[in-house]
């Protein structure tokens, strides 16, 4: 199964970070979300577009990588129904 996910914009209110931290967060988010979607994808055969996805709030960590992982989990939980 191929999954294509395009995130046009990710808004992180109240999370100041440097450009280097933002790159780490992005790379971690992409890697973690790909892993989560491979393990528990959205319902097969049901392509859809979501103009706005409001994921559950997270508590930012002091480092970019853990924050990226938490964001990936939150986005995945919003895309894939519980119990999948």
PDB file of N, CA and C in Angstrom:
ATOM      1  N   UNK A   1       0.838  -1.162   0.000  1.00  0.00           N
ATOM      2  CA  UNK A   1       0.000   0.000   0.000  1.00  0.00           C
ATOM      3  C   UNK A   1       0.894   1.240   0.000  1.00  0.00           C
ATOM      4  N   UNK A   2       0.558   2.186  -0.838  1.00  0.00           N
ATOM      5  CA  UNK A   2       1.263   3.460  -0.847  1.00  0.00           C
ATOM      6  C   UNK A   2       0.416   4.513  -0.168  1.00  0.00           C
ATOM      7  N   UNK A   3       1.030   5.278   0.684  1.00  0.00           N
ATOM      8  CA  UNK A   3       0.355   6.379   1.349  1.00  0.00           C
ATOM      9  C   UNK A   3       1.092   7.647   0.978  1.00  0.00           C
ATOM     10  N   UNK A   4       0.350   8.617   0.485  1.00  0.00           N
ATOM     11  CA  UNK A   4       0.943   9.912   0.174  1.00  0.00           C
ATOM     12  C   UNK A   4       0.311  10.947   1.086  1.00  0.00           C
ATOM     13  N   UNK A   5       1.135  11.631   1.816  1.00  0.00           N
ATOM     14  CA  UNK A   5       0.664  12.648   2.750  1.00  0.00           C
ATOM     15  C   UNK A   5       1.402  13.933   2.450  1.00  0.00           C
ATOM     16  N   UNK A   6       0.648  14.983   2.269  1.00  0.00           N
ATOM     17  CA  UNK A   6       1.244  16.291   2.012  1.00  0.00           C
ATOM     18  C   UNK A   6       0.768  17.244   3.099  1.00  0.00           C
ATOM     19  N   UNK A   7       1.694  17.781   3.845  1.00  0.00           N
ATOM     20  CA  UNK A   7       1.372  18.784   4.858  1.00  0.00           C
ATOM     21  C   UNK A   7       1.835  20.116   4.304  1.00  0.00           C
ATOM     22  N   UNK A   8       0.867  20.931   3.941  1.00  0.00           N
ATOM     23  CA  UNK A   8       1.189  22.224   3.346  1.00  0.00           C
ATOM     24  C   UNK A   8       1.788  23.172   4.370  1.00  0.00           C
ATOM     25  N   UNK A   9       1.194  23.192   5.543  1.00  0.00           N
ATOM     26  CA  UNK A   9       1.670  24.110   6.563  1.00  0.00           C
ATOM     27  C   UNK A   9       1.416  23.502   7.933  1.00  0.00           C
ATOM     28  N   UNK A  10       2.387  23.631   8.797  1.00  0.00           N
ATOM     29  CA  UNK A  10       2.278  23.151  10.161  1.00  0.00           C
ATOM     30  C   UNK A  10       2.446  24.354  11.073  1.00  0.00           C
ATOM     31  N   UNK A  11       1.422  24.677  11.835  1.00  0.00           N
ATOM     32  CA  UNK A  11       1.463  25.842  12.718  1.00  0.00           C
ATOM     33  C   UNK A  11       1.736  25.369  14.135  1.00  0.00           C
ATOM     34  N   UNK A  12       2.798  25.879  14.706  1.00  0.00           N
ATOM     35  CA  UNK A  12       3.184  25.530  16.073  1.00  0.00           C
ATOM     36  C   UNK A  12       3.189  26.813  16.897  1.00  0.00           C
ATOM     37  N   UNK A  13       2.067  27.122  17.486  1.00  0.00           N
ATOM     38  CA  UNK A  13       1.950  28.331  18.296  1.00  0.00           C
ATOM     39  C   UNK A  13       2.757  28.213  19.574  1.00  0.00           C
ATOM     40  N   UNK A  14       3.485  29.273  19.884  1.00  0.00           N
ATOM     41  CA  UNK A  14       4.207  29.334  21.151  1.00  0.00           C
ATOM     42  C   UNK A  14       5.394  28.409  21.246  1.00  0.00           C
ATOM     43  N   UNK A  15       5.982  28.068  20.120  1.00  0.00           N
ATOM     44  CA  UNK A  15       7.123  27.149  20.131  1.00  0.00           C
ATOM     45  C   UNK A  15       8.299  27.797  19.399  1.00  0.00           C
ATOM     46  N   UNK A  16       8.981  28.714  20.069  1.00  0.00           N
ATOM     47  CA  UNK A  16      10.118  29.365  19.415  1.00  0.00           C
ATOM     48  C   UNK A  16      11.271  28.375  19.242  1.00  0.00           C
ATOM     49  N   UNK A  17      11.880  28.399  18.068  1.00  0.00           N
ATOM     50  CA  UNK A  17      13.026  27.532  17.818  1.00  0.00           C
ATOM     51  C   UNK A  17      13.877  28.105  16.706  1.00  0.00           C
ATOM     52  N   UNK A  18      15.110  27.703  16.685  1.00  0.00           N
ATOM     53  CA  UNK A  18      16.044  28.138  15.648  1.00  0.00           C
ATOM     54  C   UNK A  18      15.769  27.372  14.359  1.00  0.00           C
ATOM     55  N   UNK A  19      16.388  27.809  13.288  1.00  0.00           N
ATOM     56  CA  UNK A  19      16.238  27.112  12.006  1.00  0.00           C
ATOM     57  C   UNK A  19      16.770  25.682  12.110  1.00  0.00           C
ATOM     58  N   UNK A  20      17.859  25.505  12.827  1.00  0.00           N
ATOM     59  CA  UNK A  20      18.431  24.158  12.994  1.00  0.00           C
ATOM     60  C   UNK A  20      17.479  23.260  13.779  1.00  0.00           C
ATOM     61  N   UNK A  21      16.877  23.792  14.828  1.00  0.00           N
ATOM     62  CA  UNK A  21      15.912  23.011  15.604  1.00  0.00           C
ATOM     63  C   UNK A  21      14.690  22.666  14.756  1.00  0.00           C
ATOM     64  N   UNK A  22      14.265  23.602  13.923  1.00  0.00           N
ATOM     65  CA  UNK A  22      13.111  23.359  13.055  1.00  0.00           C
ATOM     66  C   UNK A  22      13.406  22.228  12.070  1.00  0.00           C
ATOM     67  N   UNK A  23      14.637  22.165  11.561  1.00  0.00           N
ATOM     68  CA  UNK A  23      15.011  21.077  10.640  1.00  0.00           C
ATOM     69  C   UNK A  23      14.974  19.728  11.349  1.00  0.00           C
ATOM     70  N   UNK A  24      15.461  19.682  12.583  1.00  0.00           N
ATOM     71  CA  UNK A  24      15.438  18.440  13.359  1.00  0.00           C
ATOM     72  C   UNK A  24      14.000  18.027  13.629  1.00  0.00           C
ATOM     73  N   UNK A  25      13.170  18.978  14.031  1.00  0.00           N
ATOM     74  CA  UNK A  25      11.768  18.682  14.300  1.00  0.00           C
ATOM     75  C   UNK A  25      11.096  18.136  13.051  1.00  0.00           C
ATOM     76  N   UNK A  26      11.321  18.776  11.916  1.00  0.00           N
ATOM     77  CA  UNK A  26      10.697  18.333  10.659  1.00  0.00           C
ATOM     78  C   UNK A  26      11.135  16.916  10.297  1.00  0.00           C
ATOM     79  N   UNK A  27      12.434  16.649  10.360  1.00  0.00           N
ATOM     80  CA  UNK A  27      12.944  15.326   9.995  1.00  0.00           C
ATOM     81  C   UNK A  27      12.383  14.250  10.932  1.00  0.00           C
ATOM     82  N   UNK A  28      12.332  14.558  12.219  1.00  0.00           N
ATOM     83  CA  UNK A  28      11.797  13.601  13.186  1.00  0.00           C
ATOM     84  C   UNK A  28      10.318  13.359  12.952  1.00  0.00           C
ATOM     85  N   UNK A  29       9.576  14.432  12.713  1.00  0.00           N
ATOM     86  CA  UNK A  29       8.144  14.329  12.432  1.00  0.00           C
ATOM     87  C   UNK A  29       7.894  13.453  11.211  1.00  0.00           C
ATOM     88  N   UNK A  30       8.632  13.702  10.126  1.00  0.00           N
ATOM     89  CA  UNK A  30       8.448  12.921   8.894  1.00  0.00           C
ATOM     90  C   UNK A  30       8.742  11.441   9.126  1.00  0.00           C
ATOM     91  N   UNK A  31       9.852  11.155   9.788  1.00  0.00           N
ATOM     92  CA  UNK A  31      10.257   9.767  10.021  1.00  0.00           C
ATOM     93  C   UNK A  31       9.252   9.040  10.919  1.00  0.00           C
ATOM     94  N   UNK A  32       8.870   9.680  12.012  1.00  0.00           N
ATOM     95  CA  UNK A  32       7.943   9.057  12.961  1.00  0.00           C
ATOM     96  C   UNK A  32       6.568   8.863  12.347  1.00  0.00           C
ATOM     97  N   UNK A  33       6.069   9.879  11.629  1.00  0.00           N
ATOM     98  CA  UNK A  33       4.744   9.766  11.030  1.00  0.00           C
ATOM     99  C   UNK A  33       4.728   8.683   9.950  1.00  0.00           C
ATOM    100  N   UNK A  34       5.784   8.581   9.166  1.00  0.00           N
ATOM    101  CA  UNK A  34       5.862   7.520   8.157  1.00  0.00           C
ATOM    102  C   UNK A  34       5.823   6.147   8.823  1.00  0.00           C
ATOM    103  N   UNK A  35       6.528   6.007   9.918  1.00  0.00           N
ATOM    104  CA  UNK A  35       6.546   4.733  10.643  1.00  0.00           C
ATOM    105  C   UNK A  35       5.168   4.402  11.218  1.00  0.00           C
ATOM    106  N   UNK A  36       4.519   5.389  11.811  1.00  0.00           N
ATOM    107  CA  UNK A  36       3.187   5.167  12.374  1.00  0.00           C
ATOM    108  C   UNK A  36       2.166   4.827  11.293  1.00  0.00           C
ATOM    109  N   UNK A  37       2.220   5.521  10.165  1.00  0.00           N
ATOM    110  CA  UNK A  37       1.273   5.250   9.081  1.00  0.00           C
ATOM    111  C   UNK A  37       1.515   3.886   8.443  1.00  0.00           C
ATOM    112  N   UNK A  38       2.770   3.452   8.400  1.00  0.00           N
ATOM    113  CA  UNK A  38       3.065   2.125   7.853  1.00  0.00           C
ATOM    114  C   UNK A  38       2.502   1.037   8.773  1.00  0.00           C
ATOM    115  N   UNK A  39       2.565   1.270  10.085  1.00  0.00           N
ATOM    116  CA  UNK A  39       2.085   0.285  11.045  1.00  0.00           C
ATOM    117  C   UNK A  39       0.562   0.297  11.171  1.00  0.00           C
ATOM    118  N   UNK A  40      -0.054   1.463  11.082  1.00  0.00           N
ATOM    119  CA  UNK A  40      -1.513   1.592  11.224  1.00  0.00           C
ATOM    120  C   UNK A  40      -1.997   2.669  10.261  1.00  0.00           C
ATOM    121  N   UNK A  41      -2.195   2.284   8.997  1.00  0.00           N
ATOM    122  CA  UNK A  41      -2.614   3.264   7.990  1.00  0.00           C
ATOM    123  C   UNK A  41      -4.091   3.630   8.118  1.00  0.00           C
ATOM    124  N   UNK A  42      -4.481   4.748   7.480  1.00  0.00           N
ATOM    125  CA  UNK A  42      -5.913   5.055   7.409  1.00  0.00           C
ATOM    126  C   UNK A  42      -6.642   3.921   6.697  1.00  0.00           C
ATOM    127  N   UNK A  43      -7.952   3.895   6.761  1.00  0.00           N
ATOM    128  CA  UNK A  43      -8.748   2.844   6.155  1.00  0.00           C
ATOM    129  C   UNK A  43      -8.368   2.645   4.688  1.00  0.00           C
ATOM    130  N   UNK A  44      -7.999   1.427   4.281  1.00  0.00           N
ATOM    131  CA  UNK A  44      -7.585   1.174   2.899  1.00  0.00           C
ATOM    132  C   UNK A  44      -8.680   1.537   1.891  1.00  0.00           C
ATOM    133  N   UNK A  45      -8.239   2.072   0.769  1.00  0.00           N
ATOM    134  CA  UNK A  45      -9.153   2.364  -0.324  1.00  0.00           C
ATOM    135  C   UNK A  45      -9.982   3.616  -0.135  1.00  0.00           C
ATOM    136  N   UNK A  46      -9.711   4.359   0.884  1.00  0.00           N
ATOM    137  CA  UNK A  46     -10.480   5.562   1.140  1.00  0.00           C
ATOM    138  C   UNK A  46      -9.561   6.784   1.102  1.00  0.00           C
ATOM    139  N   UNK A  47      -9.276   7.264  -0.089  1.00  0.00           N
ATOM    140  CA  UNK A  47      -8.493   8.473  -0.210  1.00  0.00           C
ATOM    141  C   UNK A  47      -9.333   9.663   0.194  1.00  0.00           C
ATOM    142  N   UNK A  48      -8.710  10.611   0.819  1.00  0.00           N
ATOM    143  CA  UNK A  48      -9.445  11.800   1.202  1.00  0.00           C
ATOM    144  C   UNK A  48      -8.487  12.963   1.392  1.00  0.00           C
ATOM    145  N   UNK A  49      -9.042  14.136   1.327  1.00  0.00           N
ATOM    146  CA  UNK A  49      -8.281  15.357   1.584  1.00  0.00           C
ATOM    147  C   UNK A  49      -8.866  16.007   2.828  1.00  0.00           C
ATOM    148  N   UNK A  50      -8.014  16.503   3.649  1.00  0.00           N
ATOM    149  CA  UNK A  50      -8.438  17.177   4.866  1.00  0.00           C
ATOM    150  C   UNK A  50      -7.898  18.600   4.793  1.00  0.00           C
ATOM    151  N   UNK A  51      -8.774  19.584   4.575  1.00  0.00           N
ATOM    152  CA  UNK A  51      -8.277  20.950   4.435  1.00  0.00           C
ATOM    153  C   UNK A  51      -7.613  21.478   5.707  1.00  0.00           C
ATOM    154  N   UNK A  52      -8.137  21.102   6.862  1.00  0.00           N
ATOM    155  CA  UNK A  52      -7.552  21.499   8.140  1.00  0.00           C
ATOM    156  C   UNK A  52      -7.669  20.321   9.092  1.00  0.00           C
ATOM    157  N   UNK A  53      -6.572  19.975   9.701  1.00  0.00           N
ATOM    158  CA  UNK A  53      -6.572  18.888  10.675  1.00  0.00           C
ATOM    159  C   UNK A  53      -6.100  19.466  12.003  1.00  0.00           C
ATOM    160  N   UNK A  54      -6.945  19.422  12.969  1.00  0.00           N
ATOM    161  CA  UNK A  54      -6.581  19.924  14.297  1.00  0.00           C
ATOM    162  C   UNK A  54      -6.237  18.725  15.169  1.00  0.00           C
ATOM    163  N   UNK A  55      -4.959  18.523  15.328  1.00  0.00           N
ATOM    164  CA  UNK A  55      -4.487  17.418  16.149  1.00  0.00           C
ATOM    165  C   UNK A  55      -4.559  17.825  17.625  1.00  0.00           C
ATOM    166  N   UNK A  56      -4.530  16.841  18.477  1.00  0.00           N
ATOM    167  CA  UNK A  56      -4.578  17.103  19.910  1.00  0.00           C
ATOM    168  C   UNK A  56      -3.354  17.912  20.336  1.00  0.00           C
ATOM    169  N   UNK A  57      -3.535  18.778  21.308  1.00  0.00           N
ATOM    170  CA  UNK A  57      -2.391  19.557  21.801  1.00  0.00           C
ATOM    171  C   UNK A  57      -1.314  18.644  22.370  1.00  0.00           C
ATOM    172  N   UNK A  58      -0.100  19.113  22.290  1.00  0.00           N
ATOM    173  CA  UNK A  58       1.025  18.388  22.877  1.00  0.00           C
ATOM    174  C   UNK A  58       1.715  19.315  23.868  1.00  0.00           C
ATOM    175  N   UNK A  59       2.493  18.730  24.734  1.00  0.00           N
ATOM    176  CA  UNK A  59       3.314  19.523  25.640  1.00  0.00           C
ATOM    177  C   UNK A  59       4.729  19.508  25.058  1.00  0.00           C
ATOM    178  N   UNK A  60       5.198  20.646  24.534  1.00  0.00           N
ATOM    179  CA  UNK A  60       6.513  20.666  23.893  1.00  0.00           C
ATOM    180  C   UNK A  60       7.629  20.248  24.846  1.00  0.00           C
ATOM    181  N   UNK A  61       8.533  19.457  24.324  1.00  0.00           N
ATOM    182  CA  UNK A  61       9.721  19.058  25.081  1.00  0.00           C
ATOM    183  C   UNK A  61      10.777  20.152  24.915  1.00  0.00           C
ATOM    184  N   UNK A  62      11.856  20.009  25.637  1.00  0.00           N
ATOM    185  CA  UNK A  62      12.926  21.007  25.543  1.00  0.00           C
ATOM    186  C   UNK A  62      13.801  20.781  24.312  1.00  0.00           C
ATOM    187  N   UNK A  63      13.610  19.677  23.629  1.00  0.00           N
ATOM    188  CA  UNK A  63      14.396  19.375  22.440  1.00  0.00           C
ATOM    189  C   UNK A  63      13.459  19.160  21.258  1.00  0.00           C
ATOM    190  N   UNK A  64      13.960  19.413  20.071  1.00  0.00           N
ATOM    191  CA  UNK A  64      13.139  19.337  18.860  1.00  0.00           C
ATOM    192  C   UNK A  64      12.709  17.905  18.523  1.00  0.00           C
ATOM    193  N   UNK A  65      13.594  16.930  18.689  1.00  0.00           N
ATOM    194  CA  UNK A  65      13.270  15.554  18.280  1.00  0.00           C
ATOM    195  C   UNK A  65      12.085  14.975  19.067  1.00  0.00           C
ATOM    196  N   UNK A  66      12.069  15.066  20.406  1.00  0.00           N
ATOM    197  CA  UNK A  66      10.900  14.541  21.118  1.00  0.00           C
ATOM    198  C   UNK A  66       9.613  15.284  20.759  1.00  0.00           C
ATOM    199  N   UNK A  67       9.716  16.570  20.522  1.00  0.00           N
ATOM    200  CA  UNK A  67       8.542  17.343  20.121  1.00  0.00           C
ATOM    201  C   UNK A  67       8.048  16.865  18.762  1.00  0.00           C
ATOM    202  N   UNK A  68       8.959  16.593  17.832  1.00  0.00           N
ATOM    203  CA  UNK A  68       8.581  16.072  16.514  1.00  0.00           C
ATOM    204  C   UNK A  68       7.877  14.735  16.615  1.00  0.00           C
ATOM    205  N   UNK A  69       8.359  13.867  17.502  1.00  0.00           N
ATOM    206  CA  UNK A  69       7.707  12.565  17.701  1.00  0.00           C
ATOM    207  C   UNK A  69       6.303  12.741  18.280  1.00  0.00           C
ATOM    208  N   UNK A  70       6.170  13.650  19.234  1.00  0.00           N
ATOM    209  CA  UNK A  70       4.851  13.885  19.835  1.00  0.00           C
ATOM    210  C   UNK A  70       3.869  14.464  18.821  1.00  0.00           C
ATOM    211  N   UNK A  71       4.334  15.358  17.975  1.00  0.00           N
ATOM    212  CA  UNK A  71       3.472  15.923  16.924  1.00  0.00           C
ATOM    213  C   UNK A  71       3.041  14.819  15.969  1.00  0.00           C
ATOM    214  N   UNK A  72       3.970  13.949  15.577  1.00  0.00           N
ATOM    215  CA  UNK A  72       3.638  12.840  14.673  1.00  0.00           C
ATOM    216  C   UNK A  72       2.564  11.948  15.282  1.00  0.00           C
ATOM    217  N   UNK A  73       2.687  11.628  16.550  1.00  0.00           N
ATOM    218  CA  UNK A  73       1.681  10.788  17.219  1.00  0.00           C
ATOM    219  C   UNK A  73       0.317  11.480  17.238  1.00  0.00           C
ATOM    220  N   UNK A  74       0.329  12.775  17.489  1.00  0.00           N
ATOM    221  CA  UNK A  74      -0.923  13.528  17.545  1.00  0.00           C
ATOM    222  C   UNK A  74      -1.592  13.598  16.172  1.00  0.00           C
ATOM    223  N   UNK A  75      -0.801  13.840  15.134  1.00  0.00           N
ATOM    224  CA  UNK A  75      -1.348  13.879  13.771  1.00  0.00           C
ATOM    225  C   UNK A  75      -1.874  12.501  13.382  1.00  0.00           C
ATOM    226  N   UNK A  76      -1.111  11.466  13.671  1.00  0.00           N
ATOM    227  CA  UNK A  76      -1.537  10.103  13.337  1.00  0.00           C
ATOM    228  C   UNK A  76      -2.851   9.765  14.030  1.00  0.00           C
ATOM    229  N   UNK A  77      -2.976  10.114  15.292  1.00  0.00           N
ATOM    230  CA  UNK A  77      -4.201   9.829  16.037  1.00  0.00           C
ATOM    231  C   UNK A  77      -5.391  10.563  15.422  1.00  0.00           C
ATOM    232  N   UNK A  78      -5.170  11.729  14.846  1.00  0.00           N
ATOM    233  CA  UNK A  78      -6.256  12.474  14.206  1.00  0.00           C
ATOM    234  C   UNK A  78      -6.628  11.867  12.855  1.00  0.00           C
ATOM    235  N   UNK A  79      -5.670  11.209  12.203  1.00  0.00           N
ATOM    236  CA  UNK A  79      -5.924  10.624  10.868  1.00  0.00           C
ATOM    237  C   UNK A  79      -6.495   9.214  10.931  1.00  0.00           C
ATOM    238  N   UNK A  80      -6.099   8.449  11.923  1.00  0.00           N
ATOM    239  CA  UNK A  80      -6.474   7.039  11.996  1.00  0.00           C
ATOM    240  C   UNK A  80      -7.402   6.835  13.188  1.00  0.00           C
ATOM    241  N   UNK A  81      -8.569   6.269  12.956  1.00  0.00           N
ATOM    242  CA  UNK A  81      -9.524   6.064  14.060  1.00  0.00           C
ATOM    243  C   UNK A  81      -8.925   5.197  15.164  1.00  0.00           C
ATOM    244  N   UNK A  82      -9.354   5.464  16.385  1.00  0.00           N
ATOM    245  CA  UNK A  82      -8.888   4.659  17.519  1.00  0.00           C
ATOM    246  C   UNK A  82      -9.221   3.193  17.312  1.00  0.00           C
ATOM    247  N   UNK A  83      -8.360   2.338  17.811  1.00  0.00           N
ATOM    248  CA  UNK A  83      -8.604   0.908  17.710  1.00  0.00           C
ATOM    249  C   UNK A  83      -8.081   0.305  16.418  1.00  0.00           C
ATOM    250  N   UNK A  84      -7.411   1.091  15.592  1.00  0.00           N
ATOM    251  CA  UNK A  84      -6.858   0.565  14.344  1.00  0.00           C
ATOM    252  C   UNK A  84      -5.432   0.184  14.562  1.00  0.00           C
TER     253      UNK A  84
END
